[in-house]
Every structure is written in C-alpha cells, then in structure tokens.
Amino acid sequence: MKKKSKWLGLAAVSLALTTSLSACGSGSGDTGTSGDIPAKNAASQSGPFKLGSEPVNFTMYPNYDWLTLEPWGQDPQTQWITDNLKVTVTPIQSGGAAKQKFSTMLATDDLPDVILMDRGSDVEKLRQAGKLVALDDYYNKYPNLKKWMGEETINMLRSSDGKIYQVPNWYTTSANGNGGYLINRKVYKELGSPKLESFDDLYNYLKQVKAKYPDMIPFETDIEGQGVQIMTSGFKEGFAPSWIGERGVPSGDKFTSLFTDPVFNETMKFASKLFREKLITQDTLTQKREQVDEKLANGRVAVYSAYSVLEPKVMDANTLLRAKDPDNGYEVIWPLHKDGVDKTKVYPNSYNRLGWNVNVITTTAKNPEGIFAYMDWLTSPEGMSTMYFGPKGKYWNEMDSNQYPVLTDKWFNTSQEIKDKEKLGGYAYVGNTTYLDTMKMANDKKMKPEQRRWDNTQQANVTWKTSQDLTPFINLDPASDSEEGIAKTAVDDIYKKYFAQALFAQSDAEVDTILKKANDEAMSQGYQKLLDYKTAQWKKNLEQMQAK
C-alpha cells in the first residue's frame, strides 16, 4: 500500500548528484552463489547506441496485480517517442495474478524483455537462473543514470556476484514523503486554534472535538491502523514507523524485537487509550479505503493520519470543501510528539535512494543496449519533461539554466481534466524523483499563490522536511521459501493478531501482557533467526554503500 501510494503521488505531479561510477566497484566481495548460471554481460565495445538510428521494440511486464500498463502510442508523449526515437513498448499485463504469471513465465522460459518488479527475492531467482543481462558496462557508457544516481546508490544495486542487473524507478538524492497528520481547518478554527504539538495536546483536542461535534470522527487513522503506526515517530527521536513493517527495530548494531520495543509499547498504550474513549476510528482495522475517502470528502474528520495524507482522493476532498467554504478543507501540521522529544527529529516519513522498484532486462531481449539507452534517456531532464509535460512544443518550448522546462501559458490555462486525458506521467518507469520534485517546486515559485497546487505547498512546508534517509535498511526481507522467510510469514500473522488485541486492550497492563504473548509466540516461530538475518543484510548494505 505504501509503495503504491508513493507512485501515485509522484505520478500526480503534472538536484543532481554528479559523482562518477567506478568501473570496477564490487559490492561485498562475494563471488556469487554456488550453482548460478553465468550472466549475459552487456557488450559495450562499440560507441553508445543512438536512439532513432534503428527501431527498438521490446515487451514490458509489470509484476503487480494492480498495475496495468496503458496501450503504447495512444498518448502524445509515447507517440512522439515512437516517431522520433523509434522506440515501441508492447505491454504484457498481469491480469490481476502477478505471482502466478511470473512463476509461469520463469518455469516455461517465456520471459518478457523488461520486467518492472520489486527488488529482492524474485530478482535473485532470475539472476541465479541466468536470465538477466548484467548492466555494469552500460552504466558507465551512458551518462544520465550515472549522473543522477551517484556511485554510492549504484553500488547498492550490486548482486552477490558483484554485477548490476537492475535499473531503479523513483530513485532519489533528496527527502520526500507524504505521511503525517492533517487537520480540518474549519473545526480547528471554531475550537479556538489551540496548541496542537504534543500528544497531550492531541488528547485534549480530540476530547473537545468529541464534545462539540458528536457526529465527527475525532481521529481518523486510515485503513489497517496506519495512523497508529505513524504515531510511533513521535515517541522517540529518529524512530521510523517503517520499523513496524520490518517487524523489527534496529538498536545499536542489531535488529531487536518489535514486540519488546519501548516505543512500540508506549504507542500502543496511548492508542488503546484513545480507542477506549472513542476518540479514534473504531473500525480502523476493518474499514475500506472508500469509507475513509467518503468521510474526508464530507468533512467528518477532525484529525487524519496515514502513510500518505496527500493522496489524490484527499486532495479532491480538500478542493471540494474549500470550494464550498474557503475556511474549510485540510492542512498538514507538524508531526505530533511526546513532551521532551525534539520536534525537529520526528520523522513520520522516510525514503531510500533506490526509490520504489526496479526494471530488469532479461536475456530474451534482442537489443538490451538499445533498451538501456532508452531508459537512460527517459530518466534525463528531457525524458522526464517529455513524459510529464508532453513533447516539446505544446506545454513547453525550452529549458532554463537548471534544465527545467519553461512552461507556457497553455499549461496554466489547460484544465486538469484535459491533461488527465493525455496520460501525462505514464510510462515514466525510470522515475527521477529529485529532478521532478525540485522542478515542481521551482515552477511553483513562479506561480501566483492561487495557482499553486495544495499538495506541493504541504510537501514543501512539512512532509519533505520530516523525512529521513533509510537507504541502509532496504532489501531486508528473506526469500519467502527460506527458513527465515517462513518465520517472517508467521511473524506477520502474529503481528496482525496482537496489534488488534493491544489496540482493543482495556488497560496499560493488558497491553503489556498482550505484547509479551506476541513476543513469546514469535520467538517460538523462528523470530530470532529473522532478526539475525535482517541484521546481516543491514551490515551488508552498509558495506556495499561504502564500496569503491
């Protein structure tokens, strides 16, 4: 959910790190897994492939149930790419059954040319089967990915054999994120705009809301109790809500149990108190996304917290409410915290430099270098501008000194409805987050206040300022069929069971008892082996980031 939200937020937008890539950098020094089939290496004896010199046709498969690729060539930007760069992409859809389709493709050796997928075990399955093209030479041969990613980030992509097989999507060198807290502006003003910085302030404010507005949800915590998870960030400086998803917390030089962590314990006690007093969403663990959207659109929420409080539906709700009453709508506030915690070190958001997911080029591809050359162009300022503002000549005619497109009056005078029909942002699957975000903010500064996008101002004022870099903690999950992976599946189920029990607890003492049971049960299912695995992967990441 979080990853999907991130992509949608970036796709709704309609700093360059220029360190060079070392030609012989090798991750951890591991020589590879026994039994690996040798990789198909990228041949690069000749000069760079020139896009447009000959057709580059390839198939692309997104390995997600929910993601359907648009038909190629039915929007201005992809048609321009075909006409001018001679690149044509044929989408292959998952049909809502990505896991099964991927397994069938691999078993029958019927792979597409490019797969968009999560980093981790499935990439390794392809690599160990010798089905991926090694891209090291291409990274050194083409300029844009190397320029915008930087050496340290590229080294994070190295597999255990020392080679690189992946091209990241939405990589970044700057903070981003959409998580945190929203308040209903009208309700807040009617209650006297009280101080709302600490959890004590929140508790008192929610009681006021409940007393004056009996039909309102004082604290909407989104689906799956996301708002409860976000609150962990305020109970200790530097604590990341993402530790909950990891099912472990880094402490010192190792991962430790989530269930015995003091921050998680204190958060659950506070959340349980809010739940008992009916200050928090009573169906937070069972409600659907549509129900949350409906409450927000009708202005029935006083405070809202989630991993992404700037989703398109939230923006629609804000626009709707403000259209009816300029004093209504929503505003992001600085993250809440426990008394004594430095508010400048509270991070409900996090990011990693590798971004969301990756593209891999399989050995099925007839022209892997042509595909990589296209990906390298796509991540460039020209490529990103073409995808997000259409081909040069309509919404922009030139770039400024920062390589940002200078938007024309036509861009500002064209309705969002028309822009949506042009599918701007589609097929931008080598997303350059830093370029797009800084360009977006630069363009915002040129606009009148009433022309600026609401979500852009919320990001600039709060959410991006409250995000921390967690790049060393990527790729910590084991293969699902490994001993540690089986333990993870069990621990995930245990977490869901006892998270609900702790939230519904009738006292702090009961929360303590419940979390102890959760830890004992998890340990009996191999939890310690899972924590040890995460510790080892974390240390391996640090070694790779430092490799030269």
Foldseek 3Di string as FASTA:
>chain_A
DLLVQVLQVLLPPLDKAAAFADLQFFFPPFQDDPQFDDAAEDDDPDAADQFPPEAFEWEEEELALPDDADAACPFQLRVCCCVRRNYHYHYDYCPSPRVVVLVVCVVVVPDTQKYWYAPADSVVVCRSHNWFYFCSVVLNRFRFQRTRQDHLRQLLQADSNRTHFWQFFQFEDAFFFAFAKKFWQVLCVVVPVDDDAAVVSLVVQLVVCCVPPVQAQAEEQAAQSQQLLLQLLFAAFQDESCCVVLQWDDDDLFTDGPLPDPSNLVSLQSLLVCQVVSNYDVCRHPDDRVVVLVCLLVVRYGMYGHRHCPRPSLLVSQVNQCVVPVSTGMAGDQHYHHPPHDSLRRAHAAAARSRNTTMGGTPVRPCVSSVSNVLSVCQDLQNLCCQSVNHADQQFPDADPVSAGDGDVNVLVDDVVVVVVSVRSRPSRSYSNHVSLVSLVVVQVVDDPVSRRPSNVRGVVHNSSRYYYPNLQPRLAHDCPDLLNVLVVVLVVLCSVLSVVSSNDPHSVSNSVSSVVSVVVSVVSVVVVSRRSSSVSSVSSVSSSPTD
